[in-house]
Amino acid sequence: SPLTEEGLDIMTSKLVHCLDNARRVEIQDDLCDRNKLLSLKKLLTKVPLLESLDLSGRFKKKCGFSDWSVLVELLKECPHLKVLNLGHNKMGDGGMQALSGAAQHLTNLQHLSLGHNKMG
């Protein structure tokens, strides 16, 4: 079943102690809602050692530029990130432009997947 904002907040509060050592997070729900992105950002602040984040295909609707701005803010919370998968998200040029704003914060990034995003 889809994860609601309230559900994500509850999950965060219950799992906060387990997240300290997590290294990989894969989201399997549609994130094209600004509130879900803000909840995910809150969750990721509880995962200090995160090295791999898979958000492929999670933006199923066409997101506006403000949503991509929230994604950039979310990525700033992931300083240890080595692998980021944003493939299949219909990011387009606006999303890519917003993502470039997070690049300076992702100094450990080794692999970035952006395939199938309808750029250019």
PDB file of N, CA and C in Angstrom:
ATOM      1  N   SER A   1       0.838  -1.179   0.000  1.00  0.00           N
ATOM      2  CA  SER A   1       0.000   0.000   0.000  1.00  0.00           C
ATOM      3  C   SER A   1       0.885   1.245   0.000  1.00  0.00           C
ATOM      4  N   PRO A   2       0.404   2.348  -0.560  1.00  0.00           N
ATOM      5  CA  PRO A   2       1.204   3.572  -0.641  1.00  0.00           C
ATOM      6  C   PRO A   2       1.543   4.123   0.745  1.00  0.00           C
ATOM      7  N   LEU A   3       2.730   4.690   0.842  1.00  0.00           N
ATOM      8  CA  LEU A   3       3.186   5.282   2.094  1.00  0.00           C
ATOM      9  C   LEU A   3       2.719   6.728   2.165  1.00  0.00           C
ATOM     10  N   THR A   4       1.963   7.037   3.193  1.00  0.00           N
ATOM     11  CA  THR A   4       1.465   8.397   3.365  1.00  0.00           C
ATOM     12  C   THR A   4       2.497   9.218   4.144  1.00  0.00           C
ATOM     13  N   GLU A   5       2.309  10.520   4.138  1.00  0.00           N
ATOM     14  CA  GLU A   5       3.195  11.396   4.903  1.00  0.00           C
ATOM     15  C   GLU A   5       3.152  11.019   6.380  1.00  0.00           C
ATOM     16  N   GLU A   6       1.948  10.790   6.896  1.00  0.00           N
ATOM     17  CA  GLU A   6       1.789  10.400   8.296  1.00  0.00           C
ATOM     18  C   GLU A   6       2.488   9.067   8.566  1.00  0.00           C
ATOM     19  N   GLY A   7       2.341   8.133   7.641  1.00  0.00           N
ATOM     20  CA  GLY A   7       2.983   6.827   7.789  1.00  0.00           C
ATOM     21  C   GLY A   7       4.497   6.931   7.817  1.00  0.00           C
ATOM     22  N   LEU A   8       5.040   7.799   6.969  1.00  0.00           N
ATOM     23  CA  LEU A   8       6.486   8.003   6.940  1.00  0.00           C
ATOM     24  C   LEU A   8       6.965   8.626   8.246  1.00  0.00           C
ATOM     25  N   ASP A   9       6.205   9.566   8.786  1.00  0.00           N
ATOM     26  CA  ASP A   9       6.562  10.174  10.068  1.00  0.00           C
ATOM     27  C   ASP A   9       6.542   9.143  11.192  1.00  0.00           C
ATOM     28  N   ILE A  10       5.534   8.282  11.208  1.00  0.00           N
ATOM     29  CA  ILE A  10       5.433   7.236  12.224  1.00  0.00           C
ATOM     30  C   ILE A  10       6.602   6.266  12.095  1.00  0.00           C
ATOM     31  N   MET A  11       6.895   5.861  10.853  1.00  0.00           N
ATOM     32  CA  MET A  11       7.994   4.937  10.607  1.00  0.00           C
ATOM     33  C   MET A  11       9.317   5.556  11.071  1.00  0.00           C
ATOM     34  N   THR A  12       9.508   6.833  10.787  1.00  0.00           N
ATOM     35  CA  THR A  12      10.729   7.515  11.196  1.00  0.00           C
ATOM     36  C   THR A  12      10.887   7.492  12.707  1.00  0.00           C
ATOM     37  N   SER A  13       9.823   7.813  13.427  1.00  0.00           N
ATOM     38  CA  SER A  13       9.914   7.855  14.885  1.00  0.00           C
ATOM     39  C   SER A  13      10.167   6.472  15.477  1.00  0.00           C
ATOM     40  N   LYS A  14       9.613   5.419  14.873  1.00  0.00           N
ATOM     41  CA  LYS A  14       9.777   4.061  15.397  1.00  0.00           C
ATOM     42  C   LYS A  14      11.142   3.468  15.059  1.00  0.00           C
ATOM     43  N   LEU A  15      11.695   3.839  13.892  1.00  0.00           N
ATOM     44  CA  LEU A  15      12.926   3.205  13.420  1.00  0.00           C
ATOM     45  C   LEU A  15      14.176   4.053  13.604  1.00  0.00           C
ATOM     46  N   VAL A  16      14.049   5.175  14.251  1.00  0.00           N
ATOM     47  CA  VAL A  16      15.171   6.110  14.334  1.00  0.00           C
ATOM     48  C   VAL A  16      16.445   5.458  14.863  1.00  0.00           C
ATOM     49  N   HIS A  17      16.343   4.553  15.805  1.00  0.00           N
ATOM     50  CA  HIS A  17      17.523   3.904  16.370  1.00  0.00           C
ATOM     51  C   HIS A  17      18.140   2.900  15.402  1.00  0.00           C
ATOM     52  N   CYS A  18      17.344   2.314  14.546  1.00  0.00           N
ATOM     53  CA  CYS A  18      17.849   1.346  13.571  1.00  0.00           C
ATOM     54  C   CYS A  18      18.536   2.032  12.394  1.00  0.00           C
ATOM     55  N   LEU A  19      18.229   3.284  12.162  1.00  0.00           N
ATOM     56  CA  LEU A  19      18.728   3.987  10.985  1.00  0.00           C
ATOM     57  C   LEU A  19      20.149   4.502  11.133  1.00  0.00           C
ATOM     58  N   ASP A  20      20.658   4.555  12.337  1.00  0.00           N
ATOM     59  CA  ASP A  20      21.998   5.102  12.563  1.00  0.00           C
ATOM     60  C   ASP A  20      23.070   4.425  11.727  1.00  0.00           C
ATOM     61  N   ASN A  21      22.926   3.129  11.483  1.00  0.00           N
ATOM     62  CA  ASN A  21      23.944   2.375  10.748  1.00  0.00           C
ATOM     63  C   ASN A  21      23.525   2.000   9.335  1.00  0.00           C
ATOM     64  N   ALA A  22      22.379   2.437   8.897  1.00  0.00           N
ATOM     65  CA  ALA A  22      21.915   2.101   7.545  1.00  0.00           C
ATOM     66  C   ALA A  22      22.832   2.740   6.510  1.00  0.00           C
ATOM     67  N   ARG A  23      23.094   2.011   5.434  1.00  0.00           N
ATOM     68  CA  ARG A  23      23.970   2.504   4.372  1.00  0.00           C
ATOM     69  C   ARG A  23      23.239   2.634   3.039  1.00  0.00           C
ATOM     70  N   ARG A  24      22.087   1.963   2.908  1.00  0.00           N
ATOM     71  CA  ARG A  24      21.366   1.963   1.634  1.00  0.00           C
ATOM     72  C   ARG A  24      19.878   2.170   1.888  1.00  0.00           C
ATOM     73  N   VAL A  25      19.274   3.062   1.098  1.00  0.00           N
ATOM     74  CA  VAL A  25      17.835   3.287   1.169  1.00  0.00           C
ATOM     75  C   VAL A  25      17.277   3.217  -0.245  1.00  0.00           C
ATOM     76  N   GLU A  26      16.217   2.418  -0.408  1.00  0.00           N
ATOM     77  CA  GLU A  26      15.516   2.318  -1.687  1.00  0.00           C
ATOM     78  C   GLU A  26      14.053   2.645  -1.432  1.00  0.00           C
ATOM     79  N   ILE A  27      13.584   3.697  -2.075  1.00  0.00           N
ATOM     80  CA  ILE A  27      12.201   4.123  -1.910  1.00  0.00           C
ATOM     81  C   ILE A  27      11.352   3.462  -2.991  1.00  0.00           C
ATOM     82  N   GLN A  28      10.207   2.918  -2.601  1.00  0.00           N
ATOM     83  CA  GLN A  28       9.353   2.208  -3.549  1.00  0.00           C
ATOM     84  C   GLN A  28       7.964   2.815  -3.640  1.00  0.00           C
ATOM     85  N   ASP A  29       7.843   4.106  -3.395  1.00  0.00           N
ATOM     86  CA  ASP A  29       6.556   4.784  -3.471  1.00  0.00           C
ATOM     87  C   ASP A  29       6.720   6.038  -4.303  1.00  0.00           C
ATOM     88  N   ASP A  30       5.649   6.514  -4.893  1.00  0.00           N
ATOM     89  CA  ASP A  30       5.635   7.745  -5.667  1.00  0.00           C
ATOM     90  C   ASP A  30       5.984   8.914  -4.750  1.00  0.00           C
ATOM     91  N   LEU A  31       6.964   9.734  -5.150  1.00  0.00           N
ATOM     92  CA  LEU A  31       7.411  10.845  -4.317  1.00  0.00           C
ATOM     93  C   LEU A  31       7.115  12.209  -4.928  1.00  0.00           C
ATOM     94  N   CYS A  32       6.215  12.282  -5.869  1.00  0.00           N
ATOM     95  CA  CYS A  32       5.997  13.537  -6.577  1.00  0.00           C
ATOM     96  C   CYS A  32       5.159  14.531  -5.775  1.00  0.00           C
ATOM     97  N   ASP A  33       4.920  14.246  -4.555  1.00  0.00           N
ATOM     98  CA  ASP A  33       4.193  15.146  -3.662  1.00  0.00           C
ATOM     99  C   ASP A  33       5.218  15.852  -2.770  1.00  0.00           C
ATOM    100  N   ARG A  34       5.152  17.151  -2.705  1.00  0.00           N
ATOM    101  CA  ARG A  34       6.110  17.948  -1.935  1.00  0.00           C
ATOM    102  C   ARG A  34       6.181  17.501  -0.470  1.00  0.00           C
ATOM    103  N   ASN A  35       5.062  17.183   0.128  1.00  0.00           N
ATOM    104  CA  ASN A  35       5.045  16.761   1.536  1.00  0.00           C
ATOM    105  C   ASN A  35       5.778  15.438   1.744  1.00  0.00           C
ATOM    106  N   LYS A  36       5.651  14.524   0.784  1.00  0.00           N
ATOM    107  CA  LYS A  36       6.378  13.253   0.894  1.00  0.00           C
ATOM    108  C   LYS A  36       7.882  13.496   0.811  1.00  0.00           C
ATOM    109  N   LEU A  37       8.295  14.406  -0.066  1.00  0.00           N
ATOM    110  CA  LEU A  37       9.715  14.722  -0.167  1.00  0.00           C
ATOM    111  C   LEU A  37      10.238  15.347   1.123  1.00  0.00           C
ATOM    112  N   LEU A  38       9.448  16.210   1.719  1.00  0.00           N
ATOM    113  CA  LEU A  38       9.855  16.825   2.988  1.00  0.00           C
ATOM    114  C   LEU A  38       9.949  15.776   4.098  1.00  0.00           C
ATOM    115  N   SER A  39       9.026  14.818   4.113  1.00  0.00           N
ATOM    116  CA  SER A  39       9.075  13.729   5.097  1.00  0.00           C
ATOM    117  C   SER A  39      10.297  12.842   4.862  1.00  0.00           C
ATOM    118  N   LEU A  40      10.592  12.582   3.592  1.00  0.00           N
ATOM    119  CA  LEU A  40      11.776  11.779   3.273  1.00  0.00           C
ATOM    120  C   LEU A  40      13.040  12.524   3.696  1.00  0.00           C
ATOM    121  N   LYS A  41      13.083  13.819   3.482  1.00  0.00           N
ATOM    122  CA  LYS A  41      14.235  14.622   3.924  1.00  0.00           C
ATOM    123  C   LYS A  41      14.429  14.469   5.433  1.00  0.00           C
ATOM    124  N   LYS A  42      13.335  14.541   6.177  1.00  0.00           N
ATOM    125  CA  LYS A  42      13.393  14.374   7.635  1.00  0.00           C
ATOM    126  C   LYS A  42      13.931  12.983   7.988  1.00  0.00           C
ATOM    127  N   LEU A  43      13.471  11.966   7.274  1.00  0.00           N
ATOM    128  CA  LEU A  43      13.940  10.603   7.504  1.00  0.00           C
ATOM    129  C   LEU A  43      15.437  10.491   7.238  1.00  0.00           C
ATOM    130  N   LEU A  44      15.908  11.083   6.139  1.00  0.00           N
ATOM    131  CA  LEU A  44      17.310  10.942   5.762  1.00  0.00           C
ATOM    132  C   LEU A  44      18.255  11.655   6.726  1.00  0.00           C
ATOM    133  N   THR A  45      17.759  12.625   7.470  1.00  0.00           N
ATOM    134  CA  THR A  45      18.614  13.252   8.482  1.00  0.00           C
ATOM    135  C   THR A  45      18.932  12.262   9.601  1.00  0.00           C
ATOM    136  N   LYS A  46      18.138  11.194   9.687  1.00  0.00           N
ATOM    137  CA  LYS A  46      18.347  10.158  10.709  1.00  0.00           C
ATOM    138  C   LYS A  46      19.229   9.024  10.195  1.00  0.00           C
ATOM    139  N   VAL A  47      19.730   9.142   8.954  1.00  0.00           N
ATOM    140  CA  VAL A  47      20.563   8.109   8.342  1.00  0.00           C
ATOM    141  C   VAL A  47      21.921   8.748   8.016  1.00  0.00           C
ATOM    142  N   PRO A  48      22.744   8.984   9.017  1.00  0.00           N
ATOM    143  CA  PRO A  48      23.973   9.752   8.810  1.00  0.00           C
ATOM    144  C   PRO A  48      25.028   9.075   7.933  1.00  0.00           C
ATOM    145  N   LEU A  49      24.993   7.762   7.812  1.00  0.00           N
ATOM    146  CA  LEU A  49      26.012   7.047   7.048  1.00  0.00           C
ATOM    147  C   LEU A  49      25.525   6.587   5.680  1.00  0.00           C
ATOM    148  N   LEU A  50      24.424   7.142   5.204  1.00  0.00           N
ATOM    149  CA  LEU A  50      23.833   6.723   3.937  1.00  0.00           C
ATOM    150  C   LEU A  50      24.827   6.840   2.786  1.00  0.00           C
ATOM    151  N   GLU A  51      25.017   5.726   2.070  1.00  0.00           N
ATOM    152  CA  GLU A  51      25.934   5.698   0.937  1.00  0.00           C
ATOM    153  C   GLU A  51      25.229   5.457  -0.387  1.00  0.00           C
ATOM    154  N   SER A  52      24.039   4.868  -0.371  1.00  0.00           N
ATOM    155  CA  SER A  52      23.341   4.535  -1.605  1.00  0.00           C
ATOM    156  C   SER A  52      21.861   4.889  -1.472  1.00  0.00           C
ATOM    157  N   LEU A  53      21.374   5.692  -2.429  1.00  0.00           N
ATOM    158  CA  LEU A  53      19.972   6.117  -2.419  1.00  0.00           C
ATOM    159  C   LEU A  53      19.372   5.843  -3.790  1.00  0.00           C
ATOM    160  N   ASP A  54      18.351   5.002  -3.830  1.00  0.00           N
ATOM    161  CA  ASP A  54      17.689   4.642  -5.081  1.00  0.00           C
ATOM    162  C   ASP A  54      16.303   5.274  -5.118  1.00  0.00           C
ATOM    163  N   LEU A  55      16.168   6.270  -5.984  1.00  0.00           N
ATOM    164  CA  LEU A  55      14.889   6.951  -6.189  1.00  0.00           C
ATOM    165  C   LEU A  55      14.410   6.759  -7.625  1.00  0.00           C
ATOM    166  N   SER A  56      14.858   5.700  -8.273  1.00  0.00           N
ATOM    167  CA  SER A  56      14.498   5.474  -9.680  1.00  0.00           C
ATOM    168  C   SER A  56      13.001   5.230  -9.830  1.00  0.00           C
ATOM    169  N   GLY A  57      12.407   5.931 -10.769  1.00  0.00           N
ATOM    170  CA  GLY A  57      10.989   5.757 -11.081  1.00  0.00           C
ATOM    171  C   GLY A  57      10.034   6.212  -9.996  1.00  0.00           C
ATOM    172  N   ARG A  58      10.470   7.013  -9.065  1.00  0.00           N
ATOM    173  CA  ARG A  58       9.623   7.435  -7.958  1.00  0.00           C
ATOM    174  C   ARG A  58       8.844   8.705  -8.219  1.00  0.00           C
ATOM    175  N   PHE A  59       9.150   9.413  -9.307  1.00  0.00           N
ATOM    176  CA  PHE A  59       8.454  10.650  -9.652  1.00  0.00           C
ATOM    177  C   PHE A  59       7.599  10.378 -10.876  1.00  0.00           C
ATOM    178  N   LYS A  60       6.475   9.690 -10.666  1.00  0.00           N
ATOM    179  CA  LYS A  60       5.653   9.192 -11.766  1.00  0.00           C
ATOM    180  C   LYS A  60       4.841  10.279 -12.444  1.00  0.00           C
ATOM    181  N   LYS A  61       4.466  11.297 -11.714  1.00  0.00           N
ATOM    182  CA  LYS A  61       3.750  12.423 -12.302  1.00  0.00           C
ATOM    183  C   LYS A  61       4.780  13.456 -12.726  1.00  0.00           C
ATOM    184  N   LYS A  62       4.362  14.408 -13.525  1.00  0.00           N
ATOM    185  CA  LYS A  62       5.288  15.460 -13.925  1.00  0.00           C
ATOM    186  C   LYS A  62       5.433  16.441 -12.764  1.00  0.00           C
ATOM    187  N   CYS A  63       6.630  16.508 -12.183  1.00  0.00           N
ATOM    188  CA  CYS A  63       6.893  17.393 -11.052  1.00  0.00           C
ATOM    189  C   CYS A  63       7.202  18.803 -11.544  1.00  0.00           C
ATOM    190  N   GLY A  64       6.789  19.768 -10.757  1.00  0.00           N
ATOM    191  CA  GLY A  64       7.133  21.149 -11.048  1.00  0.00           C
ATOM    192  C   GLY A  64       8.510  21.474 -10.502  1.00  0.00           C
ATOM    193  N   PHE A  65       9.064  22.584 -10.874  1.00  0.00           N
ATOM    194  CA  PHE A  65      10.410  22.966 -10.452  1.00  0.00           C
ATOM    195  C   PHE A  65      10.545  23.015  -8.940  1.00  0.00           C
ATOM    196  N   SER A  66       9.513  23.429  -8.225  1.00  0.00           N
ATOM    197  CA  SER A  66       9.616  23.508  -6.765  1.00  0.00           C
ATOM    198  C   SER A  66       9.843  22.133  -6.151  1.00  0.00           C
ATOM    199  N   ASP A  67       9.264  21.085  -6.724  1.00  0.00           N
ATOM    200  CA  ASP A  67       9.490  19.739  -6.213  1.00  0.00           C
ATOM    201  C   ASP A  67      10.960  19.351  -6.358  1.00  0.00           C
ATOM    202  N   TRP A  68      11.551  19.701  -7.498  1.00  0.00           N
ATOM    203  CA  TRP A  68      12.960  19.368  -7.702  1.00  0.00           C
ATOM    204  C   TRP A  68      13.820  20.146  -6.724  1.00  0.00           C
ATOM    205  N   SER A  69      13.416  21.350  -6.353  1.00  0.00           N
ATOM    206  CA  SER A  69      14.162  22.126  -5.367  1.00  0.00           C
ATOM    207  C   SER A  69      14.175  21.408  -4.021  1.00  0.00           C
ATOM    208  N   VAL A  70      13.057  20.792  -3.660  1.00  0.00           N
ATOM    209  CA  VAL A  70      12.993  20.024  -2.410  1.00  0.00           C
ATOM    210  C   VAL A  70      13.917  18.811  -2.503  1.00  0.00           C
ATOM    211  N   LEU A  71      13.975  18.177  -3.671  1.00  0.00           N
ATOM    212  CA  LEU A  71      14.881  17.040  -3.859  1.00  0.00           C
ATOM    213  C   LEU A  71      16.326  17.475  -3.618  1.00  0.00           C
ATOM    214  N   VAL A  72      16.687  18.637  -4.141  1.00  0.00           N
ATOM    215  CA  VAL A  72      18.039  19.157  -3.938  1.00  0.00           C
ATOM    216  C   VAL A  72      18.311  19.365  -2.457  1.00  0.00           C
ATOM    217  N   GLU A  73      17.356  19.936  -1.732  1.00  0.00           N
ATOM    218  CA  GLU A  73      17.517  20.127  -0.288  1.00  0.00           C
ATOM    219  C   GLU A  73      17.668  18.786   0.419  1.00  0.00           C
ATOM    220  N   LEU A  74      16.920  17.785  -0.033  1.00  0.00           N
ATOM    221  CA  LEU A  74      17.008  16.442   0.523  1.00  0.00           C
ATOM    222  C   LEU A  74      18.411  15.873   0.323  1.00  0.00           C
ATOM    223  N   LEU A  75      18.970  16.042  -0.879  1.00  0.00           N
ATOM    224  CA  LEU A  75      20.288  15.487  -1.188  1.00  0.00           C
ATOM    225  C   LEU A  75      21.398  16.155  -0.375  1.00  0.00           C
ATOM    226  N   LYS A  76      21.185  17.380   0.029  1.00  0.00           N
ATOM    227  CA  LYS A  76      22.173  18.071   0.856  1.00  0.00           C
ATOM    228  C   LYS A  76      22.319  17.403   2.221  1.00  0.00           C
ATOM    229  N   GLU A  77      21.327  16.593   2.607  1.00  0.00           N
ATOM    230  CA  GLU A  77      21.357  15.870   3.880  1.00  0.00           C
ATOM    231  C   GLU A  77      22.130  14.554   3.777  1.00  0.00           C
ATOM    232  N   CYS A  78      22.727  14.280   2.627  1.00  0.00           N
ATOM    233  CA  CYS A  78      23.376  12.987   2.371  1.00  0.00           C
ATOM    234  C   CYS A  78      24.849  13.175   2.011  1.00  0.00           C
ATOM    235  N   PRO A  79      25.678  13.685   2.919  1.00  0.00           N
ATOM    236  CA  PRO A  79      27.065  13.993   2.579  1.00  0.00           C
ATOM    237  C   PRO A  79      27.937  12.777   2.255  1.00  0.00           C
ATOM    238  N   HIS A  80      27.536  11.588   2.706  1.00  0.00           N
ATOM    239  CA  HIS A  80      28.342  10.389   2.466  1.00  0.00           C
ATOM    240  C   HIS A  80      27.874   9.601   1.239  1.00  0.00           C
ATOM    241  N   LEU A  81      26.905  10.126   0.527  1.00  0.00           N
ATOM    242  CA  LEU A  81      26.310   9.410  -0.600  1.00  0.00           C
ATOM    243  C   LEU A  81      27.353   9.089  -1.676  1.00  0.00           C
ATOM    244  N   LYS A  82      27.433   7.806  -2.042  1.00  0.00           N
ATOM    245  CA  LYS A  82      28.340   7.354  -3.094  1.00  0.00           C
ATOM    246  C   LYS A  82      27.582   6.962  -4.353  1.00  0.00           C
ATOM    247  N   VAL A  83      26.346   6.463  -4.182  1.00  0.00           N
ATOM    248  CA  VAL A  83      25.540   5.989  -5.310  1.00  0.00           C
ATOM    249  C   VAL A  83      24.173   6.650  -5.253  1.00  0.00           C
ATOM    250  N   LEU A  84      23.773   7.269  -6.367  1.00  0.00           N
ATOM    251  CA  LEU A  84      22.465   7.914  -6.456  1.00  0.00           C
ATOM    252  C   LEU A  84      21.812   7.518  -7.769  1.00  0.00           C
ATOM    253  N   ASN A  85      20.637   6.902  -7.670  1.00  0.00           N
ATOM    254  CA  ASN A  85      19.903   6.484  -8.855  1.00  0.00           C
ATOM    255  C   ASN A  85      18.640   7.333  -8.977  1.00  0.00           C
ATOM    256  N   LEU A  86      18.626   8.174 -10.009  1.00  0.00           N
ATOM    257  CA  LEU A  86      17.465   9.018 -10.307  1.00  0.00           C
ATOM    258  C   LEU A  86      16.895   8.694 -11.687  1.00  0.00           C
ATOM    259  N   GLY A  87      17.216   7.525 -12.222  1.00  0.00           N
ATOM    260  CA  GLY A  87      16.735   7.134 -13.543  1.00  0.00           C
ATOM    261  C   GLY A  87      15.222   6.981 -13.600  1.00  0.00           C
ATOM    262  N   HIS A  88      14.670   7.125 -14.800  1.00  0.00           N
ATOM    263  CA  HIS A  88      13.239   6.921 -15.052  1.00  0.00           C
ATOM    264  C   HIS A  88      12.340   7.862 -14.254  1.00  0.00           C
ATOM    265  N   ASN A  89      12.721   9.130 -14.156  1.00  0.00           N
ATOM    266  CA  ASN A  89      11.954  10.070 -13.345  1.00  0.00           C
ATOM    267  C   ASN A  89      11.391  11.264 -14.107  1.00  0.00           C
ATOM    268  N   LYS A  90      11.552  11.326 -15.398  1.00  0.00           N
ATOM    269  CA  LYS A  90      11.021  12.440 -16.195  1.00  0.00           C
ATOM    270  C   LYS A  90      11.465  13.792 -15.639  1.00  0.00           C
ATOM    271  N   MET A  91      12.720  13.886 -15.258  1.00  0.00           N
ATOM    272  CA  MET A  91      13.232  15.110 -14.650  1.00  0.00           C
ATOM    273  C   MET A  91      13.292  16.274 -15.627  1.00  0.00           C
ATOM    274  N   GLY A  92      13.635  15.999 -16.855  1.00  0.00           N
ATOM    275  CA  GLY A  92      13.711  17.060 -17.850  1.00  0.00           C
ATOM    276  C   GLY A  92      14.806  18.061 -17.530  1.00  0.00           C
ATOM    277  N   ASP A  93      14.859  19.110 -18.307  1.00  0.00           N
ATOM    278  CA  ASP A  93      15.907  20.118 -18.143  1.00  0.00           C
ATOM    279  C   ASP A  93      15.792  20.850 -16.810  1.00  0.00           C
ATOM    280  N   GLY A  94      14.564  21.143 -16.364  1.00  0.00           N
ATOM    281  CA  GLY A  94      14.370  21.837 -15.086  1.00  0.00           C
ATOM    282  C   GLY A  94      14.887  21.025 -13.908  1.00  0.00           C
ATOM    283  N   GLY A  95      14.626  19.733 -13.931  1.00  0.00           N
ATOM    284  CA  GLY A  95      15.117  18.862 -12.870  1.00  0.00           C
ATOM    285  C   GLY A  95      16.625  18.750 -12.867  1.00  0.00           C
ATOM    286  N   MET A  96      17.202  18.674 -14.066  1.00  0.00           N
ATOM    287  CA  MET A  96      18.655  18.601 -14.161  1.00  0.00           C
ATOM    288  C   MET A  96      19.302  19.900 -13.670  1.00  0.00           C
ATOM    289  N   GLN A  97      18.686  21.023 -14.005  1.00  0.00           N
ATOM    290  CA  GLN A  97      19.199  22.305 -13.552  1.00  0.00           C
ATOM    291  C   GLN A  97      19.157  22.383 -12.022  1.00  0.00           C
ATOM    292  N   ALA A  98      18.043  21.953 -11.439  1.00  0.00           N
ATOM    293  CA  ALA A  98      17.927  21.957  -9.981  1.00  0.00           C
ATOM    294  C   ALA A  98      18.949  21.007  -9.356  1.00  0.00           C
ATOM    295  N   LEU A  99      19.125  19.828  -9.954  1.00  0.00           N
ATOM    296  CA  LEU A  99      20.064  18.838  -9.435  1.00  0.00           C
ATOM    297  C   LEU A  99      21.497  19.367  -9.427  1.00  0.00           C
ATOM    298  N   SER A 100      21.839  20.191 -10.382  1.00  0.00           N
ATOM    299  CA  SER A 100      23.199  20.741 -10.427  1.00  0.00           C
ATOM    300  C   SER A 100      23.491  21.555  -9.163  1.00  0.00           C
ATOM    301  N   GLY A 101      22.452  22.079  -8.518  1.00  0.00           N
ATOM    302  CA  GLY A 101      22.632  22.817  -7.273  1.00  0.00           C
ATOM    303  C   GLY A 101      23.047  21.943  -6.103  1.00  0.00           C
ATOM    304  N   ALA A 102      22.835  20.646  -6.196  1.00  0.00           N
ATOM    305  CA  ALA A 102      23.215  19.733  -5.113  1.00  0.00           C
ATOM    306  C   ALA A 102      24.611  19.163  -5.318  1.00  0.00           C
ATOM    307  N   ALA A 103      25.165  19.319  -6.513  1.00  0.00           N
ATOM    308  CA  ALA A 103      26.435  18.676  -6.854  1.00  0.00           C
ATOM    309  C   ALA A 103      27.565  19.040  -5.890  1.00  0.00           C
ATOM    310  N   GLN A 104      27.648  20.281  -5.487  1.00  0.00           N
ATOM    311  CA  GLN A 104      28.729  20.696  -4.592  1.00  0.00           C
ATOM    312  C   GLN A 104      28.647  20.044  -3.217  1.00  0.00           C
ATOM    313  N   HIS A 105      27.482  19.541  -2.851  1.00  0.00           N
ATOM    314  CA  HIS A 105      27.296  18.895  -1.551  1.00  0.00           C
ATOM    315  C   HIS A 105      27.534  17.389  -1.617  1.00  0.00           C
ATOM    316  N   LEU A 106      27.587  16.833  -2.810  1.00  0.00           N
ATOM    317  CA  LEU A 106      27.739  15.386  -2.987  1.00  0.00           C
ATOM    318  C   LEU A 106      29.187  15.044  -3.342  1.00  0.00           C
ATOM    319  N   THR A 107      30.096  15.406  -2.478  1.00  0.00           N
ATOM    320  CA  THR A 107      31.528  15.277  -2.767  1.00  0.00           C
ATOM    321  C   THR A 107      32.026  13.833  -2.783  1.00  0.00           C
ATOM    322  N   ASN A 108      31.280  12.904  -2.217  1.00  0.00           N
ATOM    323  CA  ASN A 108      31.679  11.491  -2.216  1.00  0.00           C
ATOM    324  C   ASN A 108      31.012  10.683  -3.315  1.00  0.00           C
ATOM    325  N   LEU A 109      30.171  11.314  -4.112  1.00  0.00           N
ATOM    326  CA  LEU A 109      29.405  10.603  -5.141  1.00  0.00           C
ATOM    327  C   LEU A 109      30.338   9.966  -6.171  1.00  0.00           C
ATOM    328  N   GLN A 110      30.146   8.659  -6.391  1.00  0.00           N
ATOM    329  CA  GLN A 110      30.948   7.906  -7.354  1.00  0.00           C
ATOM    330  C   GLN A 110      30.119   7.441  -8.541  1.00  0.00           C
ATOM    331  N   HIS A 111      28.807   7.248  -8.339  1.00  0.00           N
ATOM    332  CA  HIS A 111      27.948   6.759  -9.416  1.00  0.00           C
ATOM    333  C   HIS A 111      26.618   7.507  -9.378  1.00  0.00           C
ATOM    334  N   LEU A 112      26.282   8.121 -10.500  1.00  0.00           N
ATOM    335  CA  LEU A 112      25.019   8.841 -10.642  1.00  0.00           C
ATOM    336  C   LEU A 112      24.291   8.300 -11.862  1.00  0.00           C
ATOM    337  N   SER A 113      23.098   7.769 -11.663  1.00  0.00           N
ATOM    338  CA  SER A 113      22.305   7.228 -12.763  1.00  0.00           C
ATOM    339  C   SER A 113      21.169   8.202 -13.084  1.00  0.00           C
ATOM    340  N   LEU A 114      21.154   8.699 -14.321  1.00  0.00           N
ATOM    341  CA  LEU A 114      20.142   9.645 -14.767  1.00  0.00           C
ATOM    342  C   LEU A 114      19.426   9.185 -16.029  1.00  0.00           C
ATOM    343  N   GLY A 115      19.584   7.943 -16.410  1.00  0.00           N
ATOM    344  CA  GLY A 115      19.003   7.439 -17.650  1.00  0.00           C
ATOM    345  C   GLY A 115      17.489   7.565 -17.695  1.00  0.00           C
ATOM    346  N   HIS A 116      16.964   7.755 -18.914  1.00  0.00           N
ATOM    347  CA  HIS A 116      15.525   7.810 -19.174  1.00  0.00           C
ATOM    348  C   HIS A 116      14.833   8.954 -18.432  1.00  0.00           C
ATOM    349  N   ASN A 117      15.368  10.149 -18.571  1.00  0.00           N
ATOM    350  CA  ASN A 117      14.787  11.314 -17.916  1.00  0.00           C
ATOM    351  C   ASN A 117      14.326  12.396 -18.882  1.00  0.00           C
ATOM    352  N   LYS A 118      14.268  12.131 -20.165  1.00  0.00           N
ATOM    353  CA  LYS A 118      13.761  13.074 -21.166  1.00  0.00           C
ATOM    354  C   LYS A 118      14.405  14.448 -21.057  1.00  0.00           C
ATOM    355  N   MET A 119      15.719  14.464 -21.135  1.00  0.00           N
ATOM    356  CA  MET A 119      16.457  15.723 -21.080  1.00  0.00           C
ATOM    357  C   MET A 119      16.718  16.225 -22.493  1.00  0.00           C
ATOM    358  N   GLY A 120      16.938  17.542 -22.577  1.00  0.00           N
ATOM    359  CA  GLY A 120      17.345  18.134 -23.864  1.00  0.00           C
ATOM    360  C   GLY A 120      16.252  18.400 -24.732  1.00  0.00           C
TER     361      GLY A 120
END
